[in-house]
Amino acid sequence: MPSGERFCLCDTRAANGAYTELMELSPAMLGSLALMYQAHVKWDGMTDPVRGMDRLAEMTL
C-alpha cells in the first residue's frame, strides 16, 4: 500500500465464493476505511457505482 502497510489477497472462492483480503491496520489504513464507510453510508445505491479511491475524500463531504 502507498502508506507502507502489507496486504494479501487470497483466492478463497472454492471455500466461500469470494476472495479474502488480509491487511495490516495502521492509522493511515484505519482513516481510509473510515472514509470508505462514510462514502458507503452516503451512497444512494444507484448513482456512480464505480468510484476510485482517488475520489474517496470528495464522496464523504
PDB file of N, CA and C in Angstrom:
ATOM      1  N   MET A   1       0.850  -1.174   0.000  1.00  0.00           N
ATOM      2  CA  MET A   1       0.000   0.000   0.000  1.00  0.00           C
ATOM      3  C   MET A   1       0.895   1.236   0.000  1.00  0.00           C
ATOM      4  N   PRO A   2       0.387   2.358  -0.501  1.00  0.00           N
ATOM      5  CA  PRO A   2       1.207   3.572  -0.564  1.00  0.00           C
ATOM      6  C   PRO A   2       1.753   4.027   0.795  1.00  0.00           C
ATOM      7  N   SER A   3       1.008   3.799   1.852  1.00  0.00           N
ATOM      8  CA  SER A   3       1.467   4.243   3.172  1.00  0.00           C
ATOM      9  C   SER A   3       2.297   3.176   3.889  1.00  0.00           C
ATOM     10  N   GLY A   4       2.637   2.071   3.203  1.00  0.00           N
ATOM     11  CA  GLY A   4       3.564   1.090   3.739  1.00  0.00           C
ATOM     12  C   GLY A   4       2.973  -0.179   4.327  1.00  0.00           C
ATOM     13  N   GLU A   5       1.663  -0.254   4.466  1.00  0.00           N
ATOM     14  CA  GLU A   5       1.055  -1.468   5.025  1.00  0.00           C
ATOM     15  C   GLU A   5       1.205  -2.623   4.042  1.00  0.00           C
ATOM     16  N   ARG A   6       1.267  -3.811   4.580  1.00  0.00           N
ATOM     17  CA  ARG A   6       1.304  -5.018   3.763  1.00  0.00           C
ATOM     18  C   ARG A   6      -0.104  -5.590   3.672  1.00  0.00           C
ATOM     19  N   PHE A   7      -0.386  -6.227   2.555  1.00  0.00           N
ATOM     20  CA  PHE A   7      -1.683  -6.883   2.404  1.00  0.00           C
ATOM     21  C   PHE A   7      -1.531  -8.130   1.553  1.00  0.00           C
ATOM     22  N   CYS A   8      -2.524  -8.977   1.627  1.00  0.00           N
ATOM     23  CA  CYS A   8      -2.534 -10.225   0.876  1.00  0.00           C
ATOM     24  C   CYS A   8      -3.969 -10.486   0.433  1.00  0.00           C
ATOM     25  N   LEU A   9      -4.140 -10.782  -0.841  1.00  0.00           N
ATOM     26  CA  LEU A   9      -5.451 -11.128  -1.377  1.00  0.00           C
ATOM     27  C   LEU A   9      -5.428 -12.619  -1.697  1.00  0.00           C
ATOM     28  N   CYS A  10      -6.301 -13.367  -1.044  1.00  0.00           N
ATOM     29  CA  CYS A  10      -6.336 -14.825  -1.187  1.00  0.00           C
ATOM     30  C   CYS A  10      -7.575 -15.245  -1.972  1.00  0.00           C
ATOM     31  N   ASP A  11      -7.383 -16.160  -2.902  1.00  0.00           N
ATOM     32  CA  ASP A  11      -8.500 -16.709  -3.671  1.00  0.00           C
ATOM     33  C   ASP A  11      -9.143 -17.828  -2.853  1.00  0.00           C
ATOM     34  N   THR A  12     -10.212 -17.504  -2.169  1.00  0.00           N
ATOM     35  CA  THR A  12     -10.927 -18.480  -1.344  1.00  0.00           C
ATOM     36  C   THR A  12     -12.298 -18.797  -1.935  1.00  0.00           C
ATOM     37  N   ARG A  13     -12.428 -18.563  -3.255  1.00  0.00           N
ATOM     38  CA  ARG A  13     -13.728 -18.786  -3.901  1.00  0.00           C
ATOM     39  C   ARG A  13     -14.213 -20.217  -3.757  1.00  0.00           C
ATOM     40  N   ALA A  14     -13.323 -21.184  -3.781  1.00  0.00           N
ATOM     41  CA  ALA A  14     -13.749 -22.585  -3.662  1.00  0.00           C
ATOM     42  C   ALA A  14     -14.368 -22.863  -2.294  1.00  0.00           C
ATOM     43  N   ALA A  15     -13.894 -22.171  -1.283  1.00  0.00           N
ATOM     44  CA  ALA A  15     -14.383 -22.410   0.078  1.00  0.00           C
ATOM     45  C   ALA A  15     -15.612 -21.567   0.425  1.00  0.00           C
ATOM     46  N   ASN A  16     -15.622 -20.295  -0.034  1.00  0.00           N
ATOM     47  CA  ASN A  16     -16.715 -19.414   0.395  1.00  0.00           C
ATOM     48  C   ASN A  16     -17.295 -18.546  -0.716  1.00  0.00           C
ATOM     49  N   GLY A  17     -16.834 -18.740  -1.950  1.00  0.00           N
ATOM     50  CA  GLY A  17     -17.393 -17.993  -3.072  1.00  0.00           C
ATOM     51  C   GLY A  17     -16.880 -16.582  -3.212  1.00  0.00           C
ATOM     52  N   ALA A  18     -15.826 -16.223  -2.490  1.00  0.00           N
ATOM     53  CA  ALA A  18     -15.315 -14.856  -2.527  1.00  0.00           C
ATOM     54  C   ALA A  18     -13.803 -14.861  -2.322  1.00  0.00           C
ATOM     55  N   TYR A  19     -13.221 -13.697  -2.467  1.00  0.00           N
ATOM     56  CA  TYR A  19     -11.811 -13.506  -2.130  1.00  0.00           C
ATOM     57  C   TYR A  19     -11.722 -13.045  -0.680  1.00  0.00           C
ATOM     58  N   THR A  20     -10.608 -13.304  -0.046  1.00  0.00           N
ATOM     59  CA  THR A  20     -10.367 -12.838   1.317  1.00  0.00           C
ATOM     60  C   THR A  20      -9.126 -11.961   1.299  1.00  0.00           C
ATOM     61  N   GLU A  21      -9.237 -10.776   1.876  1.00  0.00           N
ATOM     62  CA  GLU A  21      -8.115  -9.846   1.931  1.00  0.00           C
ATOM     63  C   GLU A  21      -7.660  -9.692   3.370  1.00  0.00           C
ATOM     64  N   LEU A  22      -6.365  -9.841   3.584  1.00  0.00           N
ATOM     65  CA  LEU A  22      -5.760  -9.612   4.891  1.00  0.00           C
ATOM     66  C   LEU A  22      -4.905  -8.358   4.780  1.00  0.00           C
ATOM     67  N   MET A  23      -4.978  -7.485   5.776  1.00  0.00           N
ATOM     68  CA  MET A  23      -4.185  -6.254   5.713  1.00  0.00           C
ATOM     69  C   MET A  23      -3.754  -5.809   7.102  1.00  0.00           C
ATOM     70  N   GLU A  24      -2.622  -5.139   7.126  1.00  0.00           N
ATOM     71  CA  GLU A  24      -2.176  -4.510   8.370  1.00  0.00           C
ATOM     72  C   GLU A  24      -3.013  -3.259   8.596  1.00  0.00           C
ATOM     73  N   LEU A  25      -3.394  -3.020   9.829  1.00  0.00           N
ATOM     74  CA  LEU A  25      -4.208  -1.848  10.159  1.00  0.00           C
ATOM     75  C   LEU A  25      -3.344  -0.796  10.840  1.00  0.00           C
ATOM     76  N   SER A  26      -2.946   0.189  10.071  1.00  0.00           N
ATOM     77  CA  SER A  26      -2.191   1.327  10.581  1.00  0.00           C
ATOM     78  C   SER A  26      -3.157   2.496  10.750  1.00  0.00           C
ATOM     79  N   PRO A  27      -2.734   3.583  11.371  1.00  0.00           N
ATOM     80  CA  PRO A  27      -3.597   4.765  11.443  1.00  0.00           C
ATOM     81  C   PRO A  27      -4.035   5.246  10.054  1.00  0.00           C
ATOM     82  N   ALA A  28      -3.134   5.192   9.075  1.00  0.00           N
ATOM     83  CA  ALA A  28      -3.492   5.620   7.717  1.00  0.00           C
ATOM     84  C   ALA A  28      -4.568   4.712   7.126  1.00  0.00           C
ATOM     85  N   MET A  29      -4.417   3.408   7.301  1.00  0.00           N
ATOM     86  CA  MET A  29      -5.397   2.464   6.766  1.00  0.00           C
ATOM     87  C   MET A  29      -6.739   2.616   7.479  1.00  0.00           C
ATOM     88  N   LEU A  30      -6.720   2.787   8.778  1.00  0.00           N
ATOM     89  CA  LEU A  30      -7.971   2.984   9.521  1.00  0.00           C
ATOM     90  C   LEU A  30      -8.677   4.250   9.057  1.00  0.00           C
ATOM     91  N   GLY A  31      -7.908   5.301   8.744  1.00  0.00           N
ATOM     92  CA  GLY A  31      -8.507   6.526   8.213  1.00  0.00           C
ATOM     93  C   GLY A  31      -9.162   6.286   6.868  1.00  0.00           C
ATOM     94  N   SER A  32      -8.497   5.525   5.994  1.00  0.00           N
ATOM     95  CA  SER A  32      -9.083   5.201   4.691  1.00  0.00           C
ATOM     96  C   SER A  32     -10.342   4.364   4.838  1.00  0.00           C
ATOM     97  N   LEU A  33     -10.316   3.398   5.740  1.00  0.00           N
ATOM     98  CA  LEU A  33     -11.503   2.572   5.971  1.00  0.00           C
ATOM     99  C   LEU A  33     -12.666   3.396   6.504  1.00  0.00           C
ATOM    100  N   ALA A  34     -12.382   4.367   7.345  1.00  0.00           N
ATOM    101  CA  ALA A  34     -13.433   5.250   7.858  1.00  0.00           C
ATOM    102  C   ALA A  34     -14.049   6.067   6.724  1.00  0.00           C
ATOM    103  N   LEU A  35     -13.207   6.561   5.807  1.00  0.00           N
ATOM    104  CA  LEU A  35     -13.720   7.305   4.654  1.00  0.00           C
ATOM    105  C   LEU A  35     -14.549   6.403   3.743  1.00  0.00           C
ATOM    106  N   MET A  36     -14.104   5.154   3.542  1.00  0.00           N
ATOM    107  CA  MET A  36     -14.878   4.209   2.734  1.00  0.00           C
ATOM    108  C   MET A  36     -16.250   3.962   3.345  1.00  0.00           C
ATOM    109  N   TYR A  37     -16.291   3.825   4.651  1.00  0.00           N
ATOM    110  CA  TYR A  37     -17.562   3.607   5.330  1.00  0.00           C
ATOM    111  C   TYR A  37     -18.484   4.811   5.140  1.00  0.00           C
ATOM    112  N   GLN A  38     -17.947   6.011   5.317  1.00  0.00           N
ATOM    113  CA  GLN A  38     -18.765   7.220   5.141  1.00  0.00           C
ATOM    114  C   GLN A  38     -19.302   7.322   3.718  1.00  0.00           C
ATOM    115  N   ALA A  39     -18.448   7.011   2.728  1.00  0.00           N
ATOM    116  CA  ALA A  39     -18.898   7.040   1.331  1.00  0.00           C
ATOM    117  C   ALA A  39     -20.001   6.003   1.103  1.00  0.00           C
ATOM    118  N   HIS A  40     -19.862   4.838   1.719  1.00  0.00           N
ATOM    119  CA  HIS A  40     -20.881   3.792   1.605  1.00  0.00           C
ATOM    120  C   HIS A  40     -22.218   4.263   2.181  1.00  0.00           C
ATOM    121  N   VAL A  41     -22.182   4.840   3.346  1.00  0.00           N
ATOM    122  CA  VAL A  41     -23.402   5.290   4.015  1.00  0.00           C
ATOM    123  C   VAL A  41     -24.105   6.379   3.195  1.00  0.00           C
ATOM    124  N   LYS A  42     -23.347   7.250   2.551  1.00  0.00           N
ATOM    125  CA  LYS A  42     -23.931   8.366   1.792  1.00  0.00           C
ATOM    126  C   LYS A  42     -24.351   7.987   0.370  1.00  0.00           C
ATOM    127  N   TRP A  43     -23.934   6.800  -0.118  1.00  0.00           N
ATOM    128  CA  TRP A  43     -24.259   6.411  -1.478  1.00  0.00           C
ATOM    129  C   TRP A  43     -25.737   6.090  -1.616  1.00  0.00           C
ATOM    130  N   ASP A  44     -26.353   6.528  -2.715  1.00  0.00           N
ATOM    131  CA  ASP A  44     -27.780   6.297  -2.937  1.00  0.00           C
ATOM    132  C   ASP A  44     -28.080   4.924  -3.545  1.00  0.00           C
ATOM    133  N   GLY A  45     -27.068   4.136  -3.827  1.00  0.00           N
ATOM    134  CA  GLY A  45     -27.276   2.805  -4.368  1.00  0.00           C
ATOM    135  C   GLY A  45     -27.446   2.767  -5.875  1.00  0.00           C
ATOM    136  N   MET A  46     -27.427   3.913  -6.522  1.00  0.00           N
ATOM    137  CA  MET A  46     -27.639   3.962  -7.972  1.00  0.00           C
ATOM    138  C   MET A  46     -26.577   4.812  -8.682  1.00  0.00           C
ATOM    139  N   THR A  47     -26.371   6.015  -8.205  1.00  0.00           N
ATOM    140  CA  THR A  47     -25.509   6.974  -8.873  1.00  0.00           C
ATOM    141  C   THR A  47     -24.037   6.597  -8.736  1.00  0.00           C
ATOM    142  N   ASP A  48     -23.323   6.637  -9.844  1.00  0.00           N
ATOM    143  CA  ASP A  48     -21.863   6.494  -9.836  1.00  0.00           C
ATOM    144  C   ASP A  48     -21.400   5.250  -9.067  1.00  0.00           C
ATOM    145  N   PRO A  49     -21.762   4.045  -9.520  1.00  0.00           N
ATOM    146  CA  PRO A  49     -21.451   2.838  -8.752  1.00  0.00           C
ATOM    147  C   PRO A  49     -19.968   2.462  -8.700  1.00  0.00           C
ATOM    148  N   VAL A  50     -19.162   2.897  -9.675  1.00  0.00           N
ATOM    149  CA  VAL A  50     -17.736   2.577  -9.668  1.00  0.00           C
ATOM    150  C   VAL A  50     -16.974   3.858  -9.376  1.00  0.00           C
ATOM    151  N   ARG A  51     -16.410   3.910  -8.186  1.00  0.00           N
ATOM    152  CA  ARG A  51     -15.724   5.132  -7.743  1.00  0.00           C
ATOM    153  C   ARG A  51     -14.325   4.771  -7.267  1.00  0.00           C
ATOM    154  N   GLY A  52     -13.339   5.498  -7.744  1.00  0.00           N
ATOM    155  CA  GLY A  52     -11.955   5.219  -7.391  1.00  0.00           C
ATOM    156  C   GLY A  52     -11.569   5.761  -6.023  1.00  0.00           C
ATOM    157  N   MET A  53     -10.520   5.162  -5.477  1.00  0.00           N
ATOM    158  CA  MET A  53     -10.003   5.611  -4.177  1.00  0.00           C
ATOM    159  C   MET A  53      -9.533   7.060  -4.237  1.00  0.00           C
ATOM    160  N   ASP A  54      -9.112   7.510  -5.420  1.00  0.00           N
ATOM    161  CA  ASP A  54      -8.646   8.883  -5.554  1.00  0.00           C
ATOM    162  C   ASP A  54      -9.766   9.893  -5.331  1.00  0.00           C
ATOM    163  N   ARG A  55     -11.016   9.453  -5.387  1.00  0.00           N
ATOM    164  CA  ARG A  55     -12.164  10.337  -5.167  1.00  0.00           C
ATOM    165  C   ARG A  55     -12.811  10.141  -3.801  1.00  0.00           C
ATOM    166  N   LEU A  56     -12.187   9.363  -2.950  1.00  0.00           N
ATOM    167  CA  LEU A  56     -12.780   8.998  -1.674  1.00  0.00           C
ATOM    168  C   LEU A  56     -13.131  10.210  -0.822  1.00  0.00           C
ATOM    169  N   ALA A  57     -12.226  11.154  -0.702  1.00  0.00           N
ATOM    170  CA  ALA A  57     -12.467  12.329   0.143  1.00  0.00           C
ATOM    171  C   ALA A  57     -13.664  13.134  -0.350  1.00  0.00           C
ATOM    172  N   GLU A  58     -13.814  13.294  -1.647  1.00  0.00           N
ATOM    173  CA  GLU A  58     -14.942  14.092  -2.186  1.00  0.00           C
ATOM    174  C   GLU A  58     -16.279  13.407  -1.959  1.00  0.00           C
ATOM    175  N   MET A  59     -16.295  12.084  -1.850  1.00  0.00           N
ATOM    176  CA  MET A  59     -17.540  11.342  -1.652  1.00  0.00           C
ATOM    177  C   MET A  59     -18.046  11.426  -0.215  1.00  0.00           C
ATOM    178  N   THR A  60     -17.241  11.922   0.685  1.00  0.00           N
ATOM    179  CA  THR A  60     -17.645  11.948   2.088  1.00  0.00           C
ATOM    180  C   THR A  60     -18.043  13.333   2.558  1.00  0.00           C
ATOM    181  N   LEU A  61     -18.050  14.292   1.644  1.00  0.00           N
ATOM    182  CA  LEU A  61     -18.410  15.678   2.003  1.00  0.00           C
ATOM    183  C   LEU A  61     -19.875  15.802   2.308  1.00  0.00           C
TER     184      LEU A  61
END
